[in-house]
Each structure stands twice: as structure tokens, then as C-alpha cells.
């Protein structure tokens, strides 16, 4: 376990042992989330993000706005049918 201090500009320094274990280098991006009152931080994997980018394009969806509207209309029908 390592302890770090929040500066007046709300910045933190990732301790050396954590940087080495996580292979964090200068310029790397980190994702910070809040889960069950715990702050979690992990290295942002740009390769995964790039692989997922545009993945709906291959699903045969030509107009994404129309597709989202159709999903919303479908949800309204299901909601009414369920009495919600």
C-alpha cells in the first residue's frame, strides 16, 4: 500500500512502486472510477478502445440516430405492455 497527497490543484503523484507494477509511463492516461465508496484507478487501454470504435458499423446499421429512436420506441411499447 502506498500513500500519496492531493495538492491544492487536486493533483496526485502515483508512487513509484505502483507506477512500476502498472507499467505507467509519462503521458499515459488513467481511468478513475468510483465503486462502492472506493476510488479505483487503472491504466487506459487505448488499443481496446480503438478496436471497439466503429464496431456497430459492421452490424448493418446505416443511420445510428434512427436506430436509437427505434430502440426508444420499442422500449415505450414494452413499458406500456408491462404497465410500468
PDB file of N, CA and C in Angstrom:
ATOM      1  N   UNK A   1       0.843  -1.167   0.000  1.00  0.00           N
ATOM      2  CA  UNK A   1       0.000   0.000   0.000  1.00  0.00           C
ATOM      3  C   UNK A   1       0.890   1.232   0.000  1.00  0.00           C
ATOM      4  N   UNK A   2       0.484   2.224  -0.779  1.00  0.00           N
ATOM      5  CA  UNK A   2       1.230   3.475  -0.850  1.00  0.00           C
ATOM      6  C   UNK A   2       0.284   4.625  -0.510  1.00  0.00           C
ATOM      7  N   UNK A   3       0.845   5.685   0.014  1.00  0.00           N
ATOM      8  CA  UNK A   3       0.056   6.864   0.354  1.00  0.00           C
ATOM      9  C   UNK A   3       0.575   8.027  -0.474  1.00  0.00           C
ATOM     10  N   UNK A   4      -0.350   8.821  -1.003  1.00  0.00           N
ATOM     11  CA  UNK A   4       0.009   9.999  -1.768  1.00  0.00           C
ATOM     12  C   UNK A   4      -0.840  11.159  -1.281  1.00  0.00           C
ATOM     13  N   UNK A   5      -0.440  12.365  -1.580  1.00  0.00           N
ATOM     14  CA  UNK A   5      -1.121  13.554  -1.097  1.00  0.00           C
ATOM     15  C   UNK A   5      -1.784  14.285  -2.257  1.00  0.00           C
ATOM     16  N   UNK A   6      -2.956  14.835  -2.024  1.00  0.00           N
ATOM     17  CA  UNK A   6      -3.653  15.648  -3.022  1.00  0.00           C
ATOM     18  C   UNK A   6      -3.134  17.075  -2.881  1.00  0.00           C
ATOM     19  N   UNK A   7      -2.672  17.663  -3.985  1.00  0.00           N
ATOM     20  CA  UNK A   7      -2.152  19.029  -3.949  1.00  0.00           C
ATOM     21  C   UNK A   7      -3.301  20.031  -3.991  1.00  0.00           C
ATOM     22  N   UNK A   8      -2.969  21.300  -3.865  1.00  0.00           N
ATOM     23  CA  UNK A   8      -4.013  22.332  -3.890  1.00  0.00           C
ATOM     24  C   UNK A   8      -4.717  22.405  -5.236  1.00  0.00           C
ATOM     25  N   UNK A   9      -4.094  21.890  -6.298  1.00  0.00           N
ATOM     26  CA  UNK A   9      -4.726  21.832  -7.620  1.00  0.00           C
ATOM     27  C   UNK A   9      -5.408  20.482  -7.853  1.00  0.00           C
ATOM     28  N   UNK A  10      -5.610  19.716  -6.776  1.00  0.00           N
ATOM     29  CA  UNK A  10      -6.261  18.405  -6.803  1.00  0.00           C
ATOM     30  C   UNK A  10      -5.507  17.396  -7.672  1.00  0.00           C
ATOM     31  N   UNK A  11      -4.193  17.513  -7.686  1.00  0.00           N
ATOM     32  CA  UNK A  11      -3.355  16.568  -8.414  1.00  0.00           C
ATOM     33  C   UNK A  11      -2.744  15.587  -7.424  1.00  0.00           C
ATOM     34  N   UNK A  12      -2.416  14.404  -7.940  1.00  0.00           N
ATOM     35  CA  UNK A  12      -1.733  13.413  -7.110  1.00  0.00           C
ATOM     36  C   UNK A  12      -0.530  12.888  -7.868  1.00  0.00           C
ATOM     37  N   UNK A  13       0.419  12.338  -7.138  1.00  0.00           N
ATOM     38  CA  UNK A  13       1.563  11.665  -7.729  1.00  0.00           C
ATOM     39  C   UNK A  13       1.375  10.178  -7.488  1.00  0.00           C
ATOM     40  N   UNK A  14       1.452   9.392  -8.553  1.00  0.00           N
ATOM     41  CA  UNK A  14       1.358   7.936  -8.409  1.00  0.00           C
ATOM     42  C   UNK A  14       2.715   7.464  -7.898  1.00  0.00           C
ATOM     43  N   UNK A  15       2.736   6.811  -6.753  1.00  0.00           N
ATOM     44  CA  UNK A  15       4.006   6.365  -6.178  1.00  0.00           C
ATOM     45  C   UNK A  15       4.791   5.444  -7.115  1.00  0.00           C
ATOM     46  N   UNK A  16       6.107   5.492  -6.996  1.00  0.00           N
ATOM     47  CA  UNK A  16       6.999   4.764  -7.885  1.00  0.00           C
ATOM     48  C   UNK A  16       6.684   3.259  -7.955  1.00  0.00           C
ATOM     49  N   UNK A  17       6.471   2.619  -6.792  1.00  0.00           N
ATOM     50  CA  UNK A  17       6.230   1.175  -6.807  1.00  0.00           C
ATOM     51  C   UNK A  17       4.951   0.833  -7.579  1.00  0.00           C
ATOM     52  N   UNK A  18       3.930   1.677  -7.467  1.00  0.00           N
ATOM     53  CA  UNK A  18       2.682   1.450  -8.203  1.00  0.00           C
ATOM     54  C   UNK A  18       2.906   1.695  -9.699  1.00  0.00           C
ATOM     55  N   UNK A  19       3.626   2.771 -10.032  1.00  0.00           N
ATOM     56  CA  UNK A  19       3.923   3.063 -11.447  1.00  0.00           C
ATOM     57  C   UNK A  19       4.660   1.911 -12.096  1.00  0.00           C
ATOM     58  N   UNK A  20       5.628   1.351 -11.392  1.00  0.00           N
ATOM     59  CA  UNK A  20       6.410   0.252 -11.957  1.00  0.00           C
ATOM     60  C   UNK A  20       5.571  -1.008 -12.118  1.00  0.00           C
ATOM     61  N   UNK A  21       4.750  -1.325 -11.116  1.00  0.00           N
ATOM     62  CA  UNK A  21       3.912  -2.521 -11.205  1.00  0.00           C
ATOM     63  C   UNK A  21       2.887  -2.402 -12.332  1.00  0.00           C
ATOM     64  N   UNK A  22       2.298  -1.197 -12.492  1.00  0.00           N
ATOM     65  CA  UNK A  22       1.266  -0.991 -13.515  1.00  0.00           C
ATOM     66  C   UNK A  22       1.857  -0.583 -14.864  1.00  0.00           C
ATOM     67  N   UNK A  23       3.179  -0.435 -14.912  1.00  0.00           N
ATOM     68  CA  UNK A  23       3.875  -0.016 -16.137  1.00  0.00           C
ATOM     69  C   UNK A  23       3.311   1.304 -16.670  1.00  0.00           C
ATOM     70  N   UNK A  24       3.151   2.264 -15.766  1.00  0.00           N
ATOM     71  CA  UNK A  24       2.656   3.592 -16.121  1.00  0.00           C
ATOM     72  C   UNK A  24       3.844   4.465 -16.489  1.00  0.00           C
ATOM     73  N   UNK A  25       3.733   5.091 -17.662  1.00  0.00           N
ATOM     74  CA  UNK A  25       4.788   5.981 -18.137  1.00  0.00           C
ATOM     75  C   UNK A  25       4.233   7.389 -18.281  1.00  0.00           C
ATOM     76  N   UNK A  26       5.142   8.343 -18.386  1.00  0.00           N
ATOM     77  CA  UNK A  26       4.731   9.733 -18.592  1.00  0.00           C
ATOM     78  C   UNK A  26       3.878   9.829 -19.846  1.00  0.00           C
ATOM     79  N   UNK A  27       2.733  10.496 -19.750  1.00  0.00           N
ATOM     80  CA  UNK A  27       1.830  10.666 -20.888  1.00  0.00           C
ATOM     81  C   UNK A  27       0.731   9.618 -20.961  1.00  0.00           C
ATOM     82  N   UNK A  28       0.842   8.544 -20.191  1.00  0.00           N
ATOM     83  CA  UNK A  28      -0.220   7.534 -20.172  1.00  0.00           C
ATOM     84  C   UNK A  28      -1.493   8.134 -19.588  1.00  0.00           C
ATOM     85  N   UNK A  29      -2.621   7.607 -20.011  1.00  0.00           N
ATOM     86  CA  UNK A  29      -3.909   8.060 -19.490  1.00  0.00           C
ATOM     87  C   UNK A  29      -4.411   7.042 -18.478  1.00  0.00           C
ATOM     88  N   UNK A  30      -5.043   7.546 -17.428  1.00  0.00           N
ATOM     89  CA  UNK A  30      -5.597   6.684 -16.393  1.00  0.00           C
ATOM     90  C   UNK A  30      -7.104   6.900 -16.313  1.00  0.00           C
ATOM     91  N   UNK A  31      -7.835   5.835 -16.050  1.00  0.00           N
ATOM     92  CA  UNK A  31      -9.277   5.888 -15.864  1.00  0.00           C
ATOM     93  C   UNK A  31      -9.534   5.823 -14.365  1.00  0.00           C
ATOM     94  N   UNK A  32     -10.293   6.782 -13.859  1.00  0.00           N
ATOM     95  CA  UNK A  32     -10.601   6.821 -12.430  1.00  0.00           C
ATOM     96  C   UNK A  32     -12.110   6.666 -12.275  1.00  0.00           C
ATOM     97  N   UNK A  33     -12.523   5.683 -11.474  1.00  0.00           N
ATOM     98  CA  UNK A  33     -13.946   5.436 -11.243  1.00  0.00           C
ATOM     99  C   UNK A  33     -14.217   5.361  -9.751  1.00  0.00           C
ATOM    100  N   UNK A  34     -15.491   5.486  -9.414  1.00  0.00           N
ATOM    101  CA  UNK A  34     -15.929   5.377  -8.024  1.00  0.00           C
ATOM    102  C   UNK A  34     -16.852   4.178  -7.947  1.00  0.00           C
ATOM    103  N   UNK A  35     -16.508   3.186  -7.148  1.00  0.00           N
ATOM    104  CA  UNK A  35     -17.304   1.973  -6.997  1.00  0.00           C
ATOM    105  C   UNK A  35     -17.445   1.650  -5.525  1.00  0.00           C
ATOM    106  N   UNK A  36     -18.675   1.639  -5.031  1.00  0.00           N
ATOM    107  CA  UNK A  36     -18.942   1.303  -3.624  1.00  0.00           C
ATOM    108  C   UNK A  36     -18.065   2.098  -2.663  1.00  0.00           C
ATOM    109  N   UNK A  37     -18.071   3.398  -2.806  1.00  0.00           N
ATOM    110  CA  UNK A  37     -17.291   4.295  -1.940  1.00  0.00           C
ATOM    111  C   UNK A  37     -15.784   4.069  -2.028  1.00  0.00           C
ATOM    112  N   UNK A  38     -15.307   3.435  -3.097  1.00  0.00           N
ATOM    113  CA  UNK A  38     -13.877   3.249  -3.317  1.00  0.00           C
ATOM    114  C   UNK A  38     -13.479   3.914  -4.628  1.00  0.00           C
ATOM    115  N   UNK A  39     -12.367   4.602  -4.600  1.00  0.00           N
ATOM    116  CA  UNK A  39     -11.829   5.204  -5.820  1.00  0.00           C
ATOM    117  C   UNK A  39     -10.908   4.176  -6.456  1.00  0.00           C
ATOM    118  N   UNK A  40     -11.169   3.873  -7.731  1.00  0.00           N
ATOM    119  CA  UNK A  40     -10.333   2.899  -8.443  1.00  0.00           C
ATOM    120  C   UNK A  40      -9.698   3.591  -9.637  1.00  0.00           C
ATOM    121  N   UNK A  41      -8.454   3.243  -9.869  1.00  0.00           N
ATOM    122  CA  UNK A  41      -7.709   3.852 -10.958  1.00  0.00           C
ATOM    123  C   UNK A  41      -7.016   2.748 -11.742  1.00  0.00           C
ATOM    124  N   UNK A  42      -7.115   2.814 -13.068  1.00  0.00           N
ATOM    125  CA  UNK A  42      -6.393   1.852 -13.890  1.00  0.00           C
ATOM    126  C   UNK A  42      -5.924   2.524 -15.162  1.00  0.00           C
ATOM    127  N   UNK A  43      -4.945   1.919 -15.770  1.00  0.00           N
ATOM    128  CA  UNK A  43      -4.362   2.446 -16.995  1.00  0.00           C
ATOM    129  C   UNK A  43      -5.368   2.311 -18.130  1.00  0.00           C
ATOM    130  N   UNK A  44      -5.532   3.375 -18.914  1.00  0.00           N
ATOM    131  CA  UNK A  44      -6.455   3.378 -20.041  1.00  0.00           C
ATOM    132  C   UNK A  44      -5.846   2.591 -21.190  1.00  0.00           C
ATOM    133  N   UNK A  45      -6.561   1.576 -21.651  1.00  0.00           N
ATOM    134  CA  UNK A  45      -6.072   0.722 -22.735  1.00  0.00           C
ATOM    135  C   UNK A  45      -6.627   1.236 -24.058  1.00  0.00           C
ATOM    136  N   UNK A  46      -5.841   2.066 -24.743  1.00  0.00           N
ATOM    137  CA  UNK A  46      -6.297   2.675 -25.989  1.00  0.00           C
ATOM    138  C   UNK A  46      -6.519   1.638 -27.084  1.00  0.00           C
ATOM    139  N   UNK A  47      -5.775   0.537 -27.061  1.00  0.00           N
ATOM    140  CA  UNK A  47      -5.948  -0.487 -28.091  1.00  0.00           C
ATOM    141  C   UNK A  47      -7.349  -1.083 -28.040  1.00  0.00           C
ATOM    142  N   UNK A  48      -7.858  -1.346 -26.843  1.00  0.00           N
ATOM    143  CA  UNK A  48      -9.210  -1.886 -26.700  1.00  0.00           C
ATOM    144  C   UNK A  48     -10.223  -0.869 -27.195  1.00  0.00           C
ATOM    145  N   UNK A  49     -10.008   0.393 -26.841  1.00  0.00           N
ATOM    146  CA  UNK A  49     -10.917   1.455 -27.269  1.00  0.00           C
ATOM    147  C   UNK A  49     -10.924   1.568 -28.797  1.00  0.00           C
ATOM    148  N   UNK A  50      -9.745   1.535 -29.415  1.00  0.00           N
ATOM    149  CA  UNK A  50      -9.665   1.645 -30.873  1.00  0.00           C
ATOM    150  C   UNK A  50     -10.319   0.456 -31.563  1.00  0.00           C
ATOM    151  N   UNK A  51     -10.177  -0.741 -31.003  1.00  0.00           N
ATOM    152  CA  UNK A  51     -10.794  -1.927 -31.592  1.00  0.00           C
ATOM    153  C   UNK A  51     -12.310  -1.843 -31.531  1.00  0.00           C
ATOM    154  N   UNK A  52     -12.851  -1.268 -30.462  1.00  0.00           N
ATOM    155  CA  UNK A  52     -14.302  -1.173 -30.295  1.00  0.00           C
ATOM    156  C   UNK A  52     -14.894  -0.026 -31.110  1.00  0.00           C
ATOM    157  N   UNK A  53     -14.092   0.989 -31.422  1.00  0.00           N
ATOM    158  CA  UNK A  53     -14.593   2.159 -32.143  1.00  0.00           C
ATOM    159  C   UNK A  53     -15.134   1.745 -33.514  1.00  0.00           C
ATOM    160  N   UNK A  54     -16.361   2.116 -33.782  1.00  0.00           N
ATOM    161  CA  UNK A  54     -16.982   1.819 -35.069  1.00  0.00           C
ATOM    162  C   UNK A  54     -17.478   0.399 -35.209  1.00  0.00           C
ATOM    163  N   UNK A  55     -17.538  -0.348 -34.120  1.00  0.00           N
ATOM    164  CA  UNK A  55     -17.932  -1.756 -34.217  1.00  0.00           C
ATOM    165  C   UNK A  55     -19.382  -1.922 -34.647  1.00  0.00           C
ATOM    166  N   UNK A  56     -20.245  -0.927 -34.389  1.00  0.00           N
ATOM    167  CA  UNK A  56     -21.642  -1.035 -34.822  1.00  0.00           C
ATOM    168  C   UNK A  56     -21.764  -0.898 -36.336  1.00  0.00           C
ATOM    169  N   UNK A  57     -20.770  -0.327 -36.950  1.00  0.00           N
ATOM    170  CA  UNK A  57     -20.812  -0.115 -38.391  1.00  0.00           C
ATOM    171  C   UNK A  57     -20.995  -1.445 -39.129  1.00  0.00           C
ATOM    172  N   UNK A  58     -20.405  -2.510 -38.600  1.00  0.00           N
ATOM    173  CA  UNK A  58     -20.486  -3.822 -39.236  1.00  0.00           C
ATOM    174  C   UNK A  58     -21.781  -4.558 -38.911  1.00  0.00           C
ATOM    175  N   UNK A  59     -22.620  -3.963 -38.067  1.00  0.00           N
ATOM    176  CA  UNK A  59     -23.880  -4.598 -37.677  1.00  0.00           C
ATOM    177  C   UNK A  59     -25.002  -4.263 -38.659  1.00  0.00           C
ATOM    178  N   UNK A  60     -24.691  -3.583 -39.742  1.00  0.00           N
ATOM    179  CA  UNK A  60     -25.703  -3.248 -40.744  1.00  0.00           C
ATOM    180  C   UNK A  60     -26.514  -2.018 -40.390  1.00  0.00           C
ATOM    181  N   UNK A  61     -26.065  -1.223 -39.447  1.00  0.00           N
ATOM    182  CA  UNK A  61     -26.781  -0.019 -39.036  1.00  0.00           C
ATOM    183  C   UNK A  61     -26.267   1.143 -39.865  1.00  0.00           C
ATOM    184  N   UNK A  62     -27.169   1.713 -40.676  1.00  0.00           N
ATOM    185  CA  UNK A  62     -26.741   2.800 -41.554  1.00  0.00           C
ATOM    186  C   UNK A  62     -26.988   4.169 -40.910  1.00  0.00           C
ATOM    187  N   UNK A  63     -28.087   4.311 -40.186  1.00  0.00           N
ATOM    188  CA  UNK A  63     -28.424   5.581 -39.561  1.00  0.00           C
ATOM    189  C   UNK A  63     -28.532   5.368 -38.052  1.00  0.00           C
ATOM    190  N   UNK A  64     -27.504   5.747 -37.325  1.00  0.00           N
ATOM    191  CA  UNK A  64     -27.479   5.474 -35.890  1.00  0.00           C
ATOM    192  C   UNK A  64     -28.551   6.236 -35.130  1.00  0.00           C
ATOM    193  N   UNK A  65     -28.886   7.454 -35.575  1.00  0.00           N
ATOM    194  CA  UNK A  65     -29.931   8.236 -34.901  1.00  0.00           C
ATOM    195  C   UNK A  65     -31.272   7.531 -35.034  1.00  0.00           C
ATOM    196  N   UNK A  66     -31.575   7.053 -36.227  1.00  0.00           N
ATOM    197  CA  UNK A  66     -32.833   6.329 -36.455  1.00  0.00           C
ATOM    198  C   UNK A  66     -32.847   5.047 -35.627  1.00  0.00           C
ATOM    199  N   UNK A  67     -31.717   4.376 -35.563  1.00  0.00           N
ATOM    200  CA  UNK A  67     -31.629   3.127 -34.816  1.00  0.00           C
ATOM    201  C   UNK A  67     -31.929   3.352 -33.333  1.00  0.00           C
ATOM    202  N   UNK A  68     -31.340   4.421 -32.745  1.00  0.00           N
ATOM    203  CA  UNK A  68     -31.592   4.739 -31.334  1.00  0.00           C
ATOM    204  C   UNK A  68     -33.052   5.105 -31.123  1.00  0.00           C
ATOM    205  N   UNK A  69     -33.625   5.888 -32.043  1.00  0.00           N
ATOM    206  CA  UNK A  69     -35.047   6.247 -31.918  1.00  0.00           C
ATOM    207  C   UNK A  69     -35.934   5.008 -31.969  1.00  0.00           C
ATOM    208  N   UNK A  70     -35.615   4.071 -32.845  1.00  0.00           N
ATOM    209  CA  UNK A  70     -36.390   2.828 -32.929  1.00  0.00           C
ATOM    210  C   UNK A  70     -36.314   2.030 -31.626  1.00  0.00           C
ATOM    211  N   UNK A  71     -35.141   1.990 -31.027  1.00  0.00           N
ATOM    212  CA  UNK A  71     -34.987   1.292 -29.745  1.00  0.00           C
ATOM    213  C   UNK A  71     -35.843   1.965 -28.676  1.00  0.00           C
ATOM    214  N   UNK A  72     -35.824   3.303 -28.653  1.00  0.00           N
ATOM    215  CA  UNK A  72     -36.625   4.033 -27.662  1.00  0.00           C
ATOM    216  C   UNK A  72     -38.117   3.787 -27.865  1.00  0.00           C
ATOM    217  N   UNK A  73     -38.562   3.777 -29.118  1.00  0.00           N
ATOM    218  CA  UNK A  73     -39.974   3.491 -29.386  1.00  0.00           C
ATOM    219  C   UNK A  73     -40.326   2.086 -28.928  1.00  0.00           C
ATOM    220  N   UNK A  74     -39.453   1.150 -29.195  1.00  0.00           N
ATOM    221  CA  UNK A  74     -39.681  -0.230 -28.765  1.00  0.00           C
ATOM    222  C   UNK A  74     -39.774  -0.329 -27.256  1.00  0.00           C
ATOM    223  N   UNK A  75     -38.943   0.435 -26.552  1.00  0.00           N
ATOM    224  CA  UNK A  75     -38.979   0.415 -25.094  1.00  0.00           C
ATOM    225  C   UNK A  75     -40.297   0.987 -24.587  1.00  0.00           C
ATOM    226  N   UNK A  76     -40.784   2.032 -25.220  1.00  0.00           N
ATOM    227  CA  UNK A  76     -42.066   2.616 -24.810  1.00  0.00           C
ATOM    228  C   UNK A  76     -43.189   1.587 -24.946  1.00  0.00           C
ATOM    229  N   UNK A  77     -43.171   0.838 -26.033  1.00  0.00           N
ATOM    230  CA  UNK A  77     -44.187  -0.208 -26.236  1.00  0.00           C
ATOM    231  C   UNK A  77     -44.076  -1.278 -25.156  1.00  0.00           C
ATOM    232  N   UNK A  78     -42.856  -1.712 -24.853  1.00  0.00           N
ATOM    233  CA  UNK A  78     -42.662  -2.746 -23.815  1.00  0.00           C
ATOM    234  C   UNK A  78     -43.064  -2.212 -22.444  1.00  0.00           C
ATOM    235  N   UNK A  79     -42.725  -0.955 -22.164  1.00  0.00           N
ATOM    236  CA  UNK A  79     -43.068  -0.343 -20.879  1.00  0.00           C
ATOM    237  C   UNK A  79     -44.580  -0.300 -20.693  1.00  0.00           C
ATOM    238  N   UNK A  80     -45.298   0.114 -21.721  1.00  0.00           N
ATOM    239  CA  UNK A  80     -46.762   0.172 -21.637  1.00  0.00           C
ATOM    240  C   UNK A  80     -47.334  -1.220 -21.473  1.00  0.00           C
ATOM    241  N   UNK A  81     -46.802  -2.179 -22.216  1.00  0.00           N
ATOM    242  CA  UNK A  81     -47.299  -3.551 -22.132  1.00  0.00           C
ATOM    243  C   UNK A  81     -47.097  -4.135 -20.733  1.00  0.00           C
ATOM    244  N   UNK A  82     -45.982  -3.763 -20.090  1.00  0.00           N
ATOM    245  CA  UNK A  82     -45.689  -4.264 -18.758  1.00  0.00           C
ATOM    246  C   UNK A  82     -46.380  -3.448 -17.662  1.00  0.00           C
ATOM    247  N   UNK A  83     -46.982  -2.317 -18.061  1.00  0.00           N
ATOM    248  CA  UNK A  83     -47.673  -1.481 -17.082  1.00  0.00           C
ATOM    249  C   UNK A  83     -46.727  -0.683 -16.199  1.00  0.00           C
ATOM    250  N   UNK A  84     -45.561  -0.355 -16.726  1.00  0.00           N
ATOM    251  CA  UNK A  84     -44.579   0.408 -15.940  1.00  0.00           C
ATOM    252  C   UNK A  84     -44.737   1.911 -16.155  1.00  0.00           C
TER     253      UNK A  84
END
